[in-house]
């Protein structure tokens, strides 16, 4: 007895069913792995983009600081200048207030207003704003008043002298905007004066006294020593 053609087709289908359960689970697992890799890659891309924007912000701050120095006989912009604090509110004597005009802005009504100046806010910030001034070695005397501020001419190596860097800041309302050498701080329980290595690969961004910006890691000289924070080798004059 001959097998009908349609029966042959049925036999072939019976012998070659679709995906087995194991095959389906394998495919699902592969898709899950690929999705995880894509998400991880996307996360790294976003992190890199934030770091790049942060570095651009610091570069603009460095340019503004350079313009300030040109207009002020070479004096480095201070973290805070109380020389005429009786005539100006506190925030206008802060470095952000002193540099605002060079960014096409006027000093805002209070510190919280600086959130509206994108350049002053790191896109990868934690808590408050985002950047800190190397106040300890770039100011001399109490408060770094005009007569005691440091001058660009005193710098041994402007391209290796820290001006501003990423700063950890827990408070979202008040803001100091000053940072001490990374070698002095702690990364596990940071306070408001601590350098923040918040970018990909445990790096932070820095703008140097000559205006160029870079990324520095926890293993760099920037983090291990305070030499690159001083204006000159062996400097002992500093903020009190």
C-alpha atoms as a PDB file:
ATOM      1  CA  UNK A   1       0.000   0.000   0.000  1.00  0.00           C
ATOM      2  CA  UNK A   2       1.362   3.353  -1.017  1.00  0.00           C
ATOM      3  CA  UNK A   3       1.714   6.200   1.431  1.00  0.00           C
ATOM      4  CA  UNK A   4      -0.138   9.255   0.294  1.00  0.00           C
ATOM      5  CA  UNK A   5       1.956  12.382  -0.331  1.00  0.00           C
ATOM      6  CA  UNK A   6       0.321  14.357   2.446  1.00  0.00           C
ATOM      7  CA  UNK A   7       1.182  11.558   4.886  1.00  0.00           C
ATOM      8  CA  UNK A   8       4.868  11.870   3.897  1.00  0.00           C
ATOM      9  CA  UNK A   9       4.749  15.562   4.736  1.00  0.00           C
ATOM     10  CA  UNK A  10       3.170  14.770   8.103  1.00  0.00           C
ATOM     11  CA  UNK A  11       5.931  12.263   8.869  1.00  0.00           C
ATOM     12  CA  UNK A  12       8.611  14.852   8.042  1.00  0.00           C
ATOM     13  CA  UNK A  13       6.989  17.432  10.318  1.00  0.00           C
ATOM     14  CA  UNK A  14       6.669  14.893  13.103  1.00  0.00           C
ATOM     15  CA  UNK A  15      10.347  14.074  12.813  1.00  0.00           C
ATOM     16  CA  UNK A  16      11.419  17.786  12.708  1.00  0.00           C
ATOM     17  CA  UNK A  17       9.392  19.646  15.296  1.00  0.00           C
ATOM     18  CA  UNK A  18      10.029  23.365  16.134  1.00  0.00           C
ATOM     19  CA  UNK A  19      12.364  24.570  18.887  1.00  0.00           C
ATOM     20  CA  UNK A  20      12.616  22.367  21.923  1.00  0.00           C
ATOM     21  CA  UNK A  21      12.188  23.840  25.380  1.00  0.00           C
ATOM     22  CA  UNK A  22      15.945  23.754  25.965  1.00  0.00           C
ATOM     23  CA  UNK A  23      16.589  25.555  22.686  1.00  0.00           C
ATOM     24  CA  UNK A  24      14.038  28.229  23.545  1.00  0.00           C
ATOM     25  CA  UNK A  25      15.579  28.741  26.979  1.00  0.00           C
ATOM     26  CA  UNK A  26      19.027  28.994  25.389  1.00  0.00           C
ATOM     27  CA  UNK A  27      17.834  31.650  22.945  1.00  0.00           C
ATOM     28  CA  UNK A  28      16.168  33.610  25.756  1.00  0.00           C
ATOM     29  CA  UNK A  29      19.377  33.412  27.812  1.00  0.00           C
ATOM     30  CA  UNK A  30      21.447  34.691  24.884  1.00  0.00           C
ATOM     31  CA  UNK A  31      19.028  37.576  24.333  1.00  0.00           C
ATOM     32  CA  UNK A  32      19.272  38.412  28.043  1.00  0.00           C
ATOM     33  CA  UNK A  33      23.075  38.452  27.921  1.00  0.00           C
ATOM     34  CA  UNK A  34      23.083  40.665  24.821  1.00  0.00           C
ATOM     35  CA  UNK A  35      20.592  43.056  26.427  1.00  0.00           C
ATOM     36  CA  UNK A  36      22.783  43.243  29.530  1.00  0.00           C
ATOM     37  CA  UNK A  37      25.847  44.020  27.421  1.00  0.00           C
ATOM     38  CA  UNK A  38      23.944  46.717  25.545  1.00  0.00           C
ATOM     39  CA  UNK A  39      22.772  48.328  28.791  1.00  0.00           C
ATOM     40  CA  UNK A  40      26.299  48.242  30.210  1.00  0.00           C
ATOM     41  CA  UNK A  41      27.653  49.837  27.038  1.00  0.00           C
ATOM     42  CA  UNK A  42      24.925  52.476  27.110  1.00  0.00           C
ATOM     43  CA  UNK A  43      25.794  53.217  30.742  1.00  0.00           C
ATOM     44  CA  UNK A  44      29.462  53.686  29.859  1.00  0.00           C
ATOM     45  CA  UNK A  45      28.563  55.948  26.943  1.00  0.00           C
ATOM     46  CA  UNK A  46      26.389  58.115  29.184  1.00  0.00           C
ATOM     47  CA  UNK A  47      29.085  58.233  31.854  1.00  0.00           C
ATOM     48  CA  UNK A  48      31.670  59.274  29.261  1.00  0.00           C
ATOM     49  CA  UNK A  49      29.311  61.958  27.941  1.00  0.00           C
ATOM     50  CA  UNK A  50      28.831  63.378  31.457  1.00  0.00           C
ATOM     51  CA  UNK A  51      32.578  63.409  32.046  1.00  0.00           C
ATOM     52  CA  UNK A  52      33.167  65.141  28.705  1.00  0.00           C
ATOM     53  CA  UNK A  53      30.570  67.812  29.531  1.00  0.00           C
ATOM     54  CA  UNK A  54      32.088  68.248  32.991  1.00  0.00           C
ATOM     55  CA  UNK A  55      35.541  68.761  31.487  1.00  0.00           C
ATOM     56  CA  UNK A  56      34.076  71.326  29.089  1.00  0.00           C
ATOM     57  CA  UNK A  57      32.517  73.171  32.045  1.00  0.00           C
ATOM     58  CA  UNK A  58      35.855  73.304  33.840  1.00  0.00           C
ATOM     59  CA  UNK A  59      37.582  74.507  30.677  1.00  0.00           C
ATOM     60  CA  UNK A  60      35.116  77.407  30.466  1.00  0.00           C
ATOM     61  CA  UNK A  61      35.682  78.202  34.140  1.00  0.00           C
ATOM     62  CA  UNK A  62      39.432  78.157  33.456  1.00  0.00           C
ATOM     63  CA  UNK A  63      39.028  80.601  30.567  1.00  0.00           C
ATOM     64  CA  UNK A  64      36.955  82.933  32.767  1.00  0.00           C
ATOM     65  CA  UNK A  65      39.594  82.712  35.512  1.00  0.00           C
ATOM     66  CA  UNK A  66      42.280  83.624  32.966  1.00  0.00           C
ATOM     67  CA  UNK A  67      40.287  86.678  31.874  1.00  0.00           C
ATOM     68  CA  UNK A  68      39.873  87.669  35.519  1.00  0.00           C
ATOM     69  CA  UNK A  69      43.658  87.506  35.977  1.00  0.00           C
ATOM     70  CA  UNK A  70      44.236  89.685  32.902  1.00  0.00           C
ATOM     71  CA  UNK A  71      41.822  92.307  34.274  1.00  0.00           C
ATOM     72  CA  UNK A  72      43.329  92.173  37.777  1.00  0.00           C
ATOM     73  CA  UNK A  73      47.069  92.590  37.229  1.00  0.00           C
ATOM     74  CA  UNK A  74      47.739  88.875  37.129  1.00  0.00           C
ATOM     75  CA  UNK A  75      46.060  88.026  40.420  1.00  0.00           C
ATOM     76  CA  UNK A  76      44.510  84.578  40.555  1.00  0.00           C
ATOM     77  CA  UNK A  77      40.772  84.570  41.194  1.00  0.00           C
ATOM     78  CA  UNK A  78      40.377  83.916  44.932  1.00  0.00           C
ATOM     79  CA  UNK A  79      38.030  81.357  46.418  1.00  0.00           C
ATOM     80  CA  UNK A  80      36.546  84.219  48.400  1.00  0.00           C
ATOM     81  CA  UNK A  81      37.522  87.876  48.515  1.00  0.00           C
ATOM     82  CA  UNK A  82      36.187  89.689  51.593  1.00  0.00           C
ATOM     83  CA  UNK A  83      38.181  92.872  50.893  1.00  0.00           C
ATOM     84  CA  UNK A  84      34.963  94.821  50.289  1.00  0.00           C
ATOM     85  CA  UNK A  85      32.485  92.554  52.038  1.00  0.00           C
ATOM     86  CA  UNK A  86      30.867  95.561  53.695  1.00  0.00           C
ATOM     87  CA  UNK A  87      29.737  96.733  50.269  1.00  0.00           C
ATOM     88  CA  UNK A  88      28.825  93.402  48.696  1.00  0.00           C
ATOM     89  CA  UNK A  89      26.794  90.414  49.867  1.00  0.00           C
ATOM     90  CA  UNK A  90      28.761  87.229  50.539  1.00  0.00           C
ATOM     91  CA  UNK A  91      27.895  85.417  47.324  1.00  0.00           C
ATOM     92  CA  UNK A  92      29.227  88.234  45.118  1.00  0.00           C
ATOM     93  CA  UNK A  93      32.690  87.894  46.681  1.00  0.00           C
ATOM     94  CA  UNK A  94      32.702  84.138  46.100  1.00  0.00           C
ATOM     95  CA  UNK A  95      34.651  82.882  43.062  1.00  0.00           C
ATOM     96  CA  UNK A  96      31.394  82.125  41.245  1.00  0.00           C
ATOM     97  CA  UNK A  97      30.268  85.720  41.691  1.00  0.00           C
ATOM     98  CA  UNK A  98      33.658  87.040  40.576  1.00  0.00           C
ATOM     99  CA  UNK A  99      33.627  84.898  37.417  1.00  0.00           C
ATOM    100  CA  UNK A 100      29.934  85.194  36.524  1.00  0.00           C
ATOM    101  CA  UNK A 101      30.456  88.363  34.483  1.00  0.00           C
ATOM    102  CA  UNK A 102      32.983  86.596  32.253  1.00  0.00           C
ATOM    103  CA  UNK A 103      30.297  84.066  31.368  1.00  0.00           C
ATOM    104  CA  UNK A 104      27.701  86.621  30.385  1.00  0.00           C
ATOM    105  CA  UNK A 105      25.953  86.411  33.739  1.00  0.00           C
ATOM    106  CA  UNK A 106      25.552  88.699  36.706  1.00  0.00           C
ATOM    107  CA  UNK A 107      26.079  87.519  40.272  1.00  0.00           C
ATOM    108  CA  UNK A 108      22.795  85.960  41.328  1.00  0.00           C
ATOM    109  CA  UNK A 109      20.743  86.807  44.399  1.00  0.00           C
ATOM    110  CA  UNK A 110      22.157  83.982  46.511  1.00  0.00           C
ATOM    111  CA  UNK A 111      24.197  80.812  46.185  1.00  0.00           C
ATOM    112  CA  UNK A 112      21.211  78.695  45.165  1.00  0.00           C
ATOM    113  CA  UNK A 113      20.869  80.860  42.049  1.00  0.00           C
ATOM    114  CA  UNK A 114      24.097  79.452  40.668  1.00  0.00           C
ATOM    115  CA  UNK A 115      22.255  76.240  39.909  1.00  0.00           C
ATOM    116  CA  UNK A 116      20.861  78.174  36.963  1.00  0.00           C
ATOM    117  CA  UNK A 117      24.389  78.658  35.568  1.00  0.00           C
ATOM    118  CA  UNK A 118      25.008  75.295  33.847  1.00  0.00           C
ATOM    119  CA  UNK A 119      28.787  75.719  33.760  1.00  0.00           C
ATOM    120  CA  UNK A 120      28.957  75.751  37.572  1.00  0.00           C
ATOM    121  CA  UNK A 121      27.083  72.445  37.898  1.00  0.00           C
ATOM    122  CA  UNK A 122      28.745  69.125  37.089  1.00  0.00           C
ATOM    123  CA  UNK A 123      26.375  66.778  35.181  1.00  0.00           C
ATOM    124  CA  UNK A 124      27.669  63.916  37.332  1.00  0.00           C
ATOM    125  CA  UNK A 125      27.372  65.828  40.601  1.00  0.00           C
ATOM    126  CA  UNK A 126      26.513  64.301  43.955  1.00  0.00           C
ATOM    127  CA  UNK A 127      24.311  66.378  46.216  1.00  0.00           C
ATOM    128  CA  UNK A 128      25.051  70.064  45.667  1.00  0.00           C
ATOM    129  CA  UNK A 129      26.884  71.914  42.955  1.00  0.00           C
ATOM    130  CA  UNK A 130      30.042  70.252  41.765  1.00  0.00           C
ATOM    131  CA  UNK A 131      33.328  72.201  41.594  1.00  0.00           C
ATOM    132  CA  UNK A 132      35.820  73.354  44.181  1.00  0.00           C
ATOM    133  CA  UNK A 133      38.564  76.018  44.203  1.00  0.00           C
ATOM    134  CA  UNK A 134      42.106  75.152  45.332  1.00  0.00           C
ATOM    135  CA  UNK A 135      41.694  77.677  48.129  1.00  0.00           C
ATOM    136  CA  UNK A 136      44.384  76.399  50.480  1.00  0.00           C
ATOM    137  CA  UNK A 137      47.405  77.039  48.247  1.00  0.00           C
ATOM    138  CA  UNK A 138      46.010  79.822  46.044  1.00  0.00           C
ATOM    139  CA  UNK A 139      45.119  82.167  48.915  1.00  0.00           C
ATOM    140  CA  UNK A 140      47.435  83.801  51.425  1.00  0.00           C
ATOM    141  CA  UNK A 141      46.367  85.306  54.712  1.00  0.00           C
ATOM    142  CA  UNK A 142      42.979  85.208  56.385  1.00  0.00           C
ATOM    143  CA  UNK A 143      40.316  84.927  53.717  1.00  0.00           C
ATOM    144  CA  UNK A 144      42.734  85.626  50.842  1.00  0.00           C
ATOM    145  CA  UNK A 145      42.028  89.374  50.766  1.00  0.00           C
ATOM    146  CA  UNK A 146      43.156  91.457  47.791  1.00  0.00           C
ATOM    147  CA  UNK A 147      46.544  92.406  49.267  1.00  0.00           C
ATOM    148  CA  UNK A 148      47.339  88.787  50.076  1.00  0.00           C
ATOM    149  CA  UNK A 149      46.153  86.948  46.983  1.00  0.00           C
ATOM    150  CA  UNK A 150      48.538  84.930  44.879  1.00  0.00           C
ATOM    151  CA  UNK A 151      49.701  86.103  41.455  1.00  0.00           C
ATOM    152  CA  UNK A 152      50.169  84.124  38.251  1.00  0.00           C
ATOM    153  CA  UNK A 153      53.805  85.275  38.180  1.00  0.00           C
ATOM    154  CA  UNK A 154      54.441  83.223  41.328  1.00  0.00           C
ATOM    155  CA  UNK A 155      53.569  79.930  39.661  1.00  0.00           C
ATOM    156  CA  UNK A 156      56.501  77.651  38.833  1.00  0.00           C
ATOM    157  CA  UNK A 157      54.440  75.525  36.470  1.00  0.00           C
ATOM    158  CA  UNK A 158      50.914  76.790  35.679  1.00  0.00           C
ATOM    159  CA  UNK A 159      50.157  73.695  33.590  1.00  0.00           C
ATOM    160  CA  UNK A 160      50.693  71.506  36.673  1.00  0.00           C
ATOM    161  CA  UNK A 161      49.017  73.686  39.310  1.00  0.00           C
ATOM    162  CA  UNK A 162      45.424  72.811  40.251  1.00  0.00           C
ATOM    163  CA  UNK A 163      42.877  75.637  39.994  1.00  0.00           C
ATOM    164  CA  UNK A 164      39.463  73.907  40.166  1.00  0.00           C
ATOM    165  CA  UNK A 165      38.387  70.282  40.375  1.00  0.00           C
ATOM    166  CA  UNK A 166      35.382  68.030  40.934  1.00  0.00           C
ATOM    167  CA  UNK A 167      34.210  68.403  44.517  1.00  0.00           C
ATOM    168  CA  UNK A 168      32.023  66.237  46.696  1.00  0.00           C
ATOM    169  CA  UNK A 169      29.290  68.289  48.333  1.00  0.00           C
ATOM    170  CA  UNK A 170      26.582  66.746  50.457  1.00  0.00           C
ATOM    171  CA  UNK A 171      24.512  69.861  51.073  1.00  0.00           C
ATOM    172  CA  UNK A 172      22.078  70.760  48.301  1.00  0.00           C
ATOM    173  CA  UNK A 173      21.338  74.241  49.655  1.00  0.00           C
ATOM    174  CA  UNK A 174      24.456  75.872  51.091  1.00  0.00           C
ATOM    175  CA  UNK A 175      27.731  75.684  49.207  1.00  0.00           C
ATOM    176  CA  UNK A 176      31.359  76.390  49.960  1.00  0.00           C
ATOM    177  CA  UNK A 177      32.971  75.618  46.620  1.00  0.00           C
ATOM    178  CA  UNK A 178      36.424  75.130  48.157  1.00  0.00           C
ATOM    179  CA  UNK A 179      38.441  71.918  47.968  1.00  0.00           C
ATOM    180  CA  UNK A 180      41.627  70.716  49.634  1.00  0.00           C
ATOM    181  CA  UNK A 181      44.308  68.458  48.112  1.00  0.00           C
ATOM    182  CA  UNK A 182      43.015  64.981  47.365  1.00  0.00           C
ATOM    183  CA  UNK A 183      45.885  63.441  49.334  1.00  0.00           C
ATOM    184  CA  UNK A 184      44.479  64.997  52.521  1.00  0.00           C
ATOM    185  CA  UNK A 185      40.904  63.824  52.107  1.00  0.00           C
ATOM    186  CA  UNK A 186      39.090  60.537  52.401  1.00  0.00           C
ATOM    187  CA  UNK A 187      37.033  58.952  49.652  1.00  0.00           C
ATOM    188  CA  UNK A 188      35.003  56.620  51.858  1.00  0.00           C
ATOM    189  CA  UNK A 189      33.431  59.238  54.153  1.00  0.00           C
ATOM    190  CA  UNK A 190      33.834  62.489  52.206  1.00  0.00           C
ATOM    191  CA  UNK A 191      33.044  65.908  53.606  1.00  0.00           C
ATOM    192  CA  UNK A 192      32.347  69.167  51.798  1.00  0.00           C
ATOM    193  CA  UNK A 193      36.026  69.848  51.045  1.00  0.00           C
ATOM    194  CA  UNK A 194      36.800  66.472  49.456  1.00  0.00           C
ATOM    195  CA  UNK A 195      37.794  65.871  45.836  1.00  0.00           C
ATOM    196  CA  UNK A 196      35.192  63.693  44.129  1.00  0.00           C
ATOM    197  CA  UNK A 197      36.388  60.889  41.844  1.00  0.00           C
ATOM    198  CA  UNK A 198      32.865  60.491  40.501  1.00  0.00           C
ATOM    199  CA  UNK A 199      33.514  59.797  36.840  1.00  0.00           C
ATOM    200  CA  UNK A 200      34.103  56.535  34.991  1.00  0.00           C
ATOM    201  CA  UNK A 201      37.163  54.623  36.152  1.00  0.00           C
ATOM    202  CA  UNK A 202      37.293  56.483  39.481  1.00  0.00           C
ATOM    203  CA  UNK A 203      38.484  59.692  37.849  1.00  0.00           C
ATOM    204  CA  UNK A 204      37.848  63.361  38.484  1.00  0.00           C
ATOM    205  CA  UNK A 205      38.216  66.318  36.158  1.00  0.00           C
ATOM    206  CA  UNK A 206      40.613  69.167  36.813  1.00  0.00           C
ATOM    207  CA  UNK A 207      41.259  72.569  35.261  1.00  0.00           C
ATOM    208  CA  UNK A 208      44.800  73.755  35.777  1.00  0.00           C
ATOM    209  CA  UNK A 209      46.141  77.269  36.242  1.00  0.00           C
ATOM    210  CA  UNK A 210      47.043  77.589  32.555  1.00  0.00           C
ATOM    211  CA  UNK A 211      43.415  76.853  31.592  1.00  0.00           C
ATOM    212  CA  UNK A 212      43.697  73.310  30.222  1.00  0.00           C
ATOM    213  CA  UNK A 213      41.517  70.516  31.627  1.00  0.00           C
ATOM    214  CA  UNK A 214      42.272  66.839  32.223  1.00  0.00           C
ATOM    215  CA  UNK A 215      40.956  63.700  33.896  1.00  0.00           C
ATOM    216  CA  UNK A 216      42.937  62.372  36.867  1.00  0.00           C
ATOM    217  CA  UNK A 217      42.668  59.022  38.642  1.00  0.00           C
ATOM    218  CA  UNK A 218      43.104  58.003  42.261  1.00  0.00           C
ATOM    219  CA  UNK A 219      46.498  56.597  41.318  1.00  0.00           C
ATOM    220  CA  UNK A 220      47.826  59.811  39.766  1.00  0.00           C
ATOM    221  CA  UNK A 221      50.216  62.324  41.315  1.00  0.00           C
ATOM    222  CA  UNK A 222      47.215  64.645  41.566  1.00  0.00           C
ATOM    223  CA  UNK A 223      45.675  62.280  44.125  1.00  0.00           C
ATOM    224  CA  UNK A 224      48.802  61.015  45.860  1.00  0.00           C
ATOM    225  CA  UNK A 225      50.657  64.274  46.537  1.00  0.00           C
ATOM    226  CA  UNK A 226      49.895  67.928  47.208  1.00  0.00           C
ATOM    227  CA  UNK A 227      52.830  69.075  45.028  1.00  0.00           C
ATOM    228  CA  UNK A 228      50.596  69.879  42.053  1.00  0.00           C
ATOM    229  CA  UNK A 229      48.390  71.958  44.334  1.00  0.00           C
ATOM    230  CA  UNK A 230      51.197  74.372  45.277  1.00  0.00           C
ATOM    231  CA  UNK A 231      52.161  77.449  43.254  1.00  0.00           C
ATOM    232  CA  UNK A 232      55.853  76.782  43.680  1.00  0.00           C
ATOM    233  CA  UNK A 233      58.022  73.985  45.009  1.00  0.00           C
ATOM    234  CA  UNK A 234      58.387  74.177  48.768  1.00  0.00           C
ATOM    235  CA  UNK A 235      55.561  76.713  49.139  1.00  0.00           C
ATOM    236  CA  UNK A 236      54.611  77.225  52.779  1.00  0.00           C
ATOM    237  CA  UNK A 237      52.475  80.369  52.508  1.00  0.00           C
ATOM    238  CA  UNK A 238      48.841  79.423  52.374  1.00  0.00           C
ATOM    239  CA  UNK A 239      45.340  80.158  53.591  1.00  0.00           C
ATOM    240  CA  UNK A 240      45.119  80.341  57.379  1.00  0.00           C
END
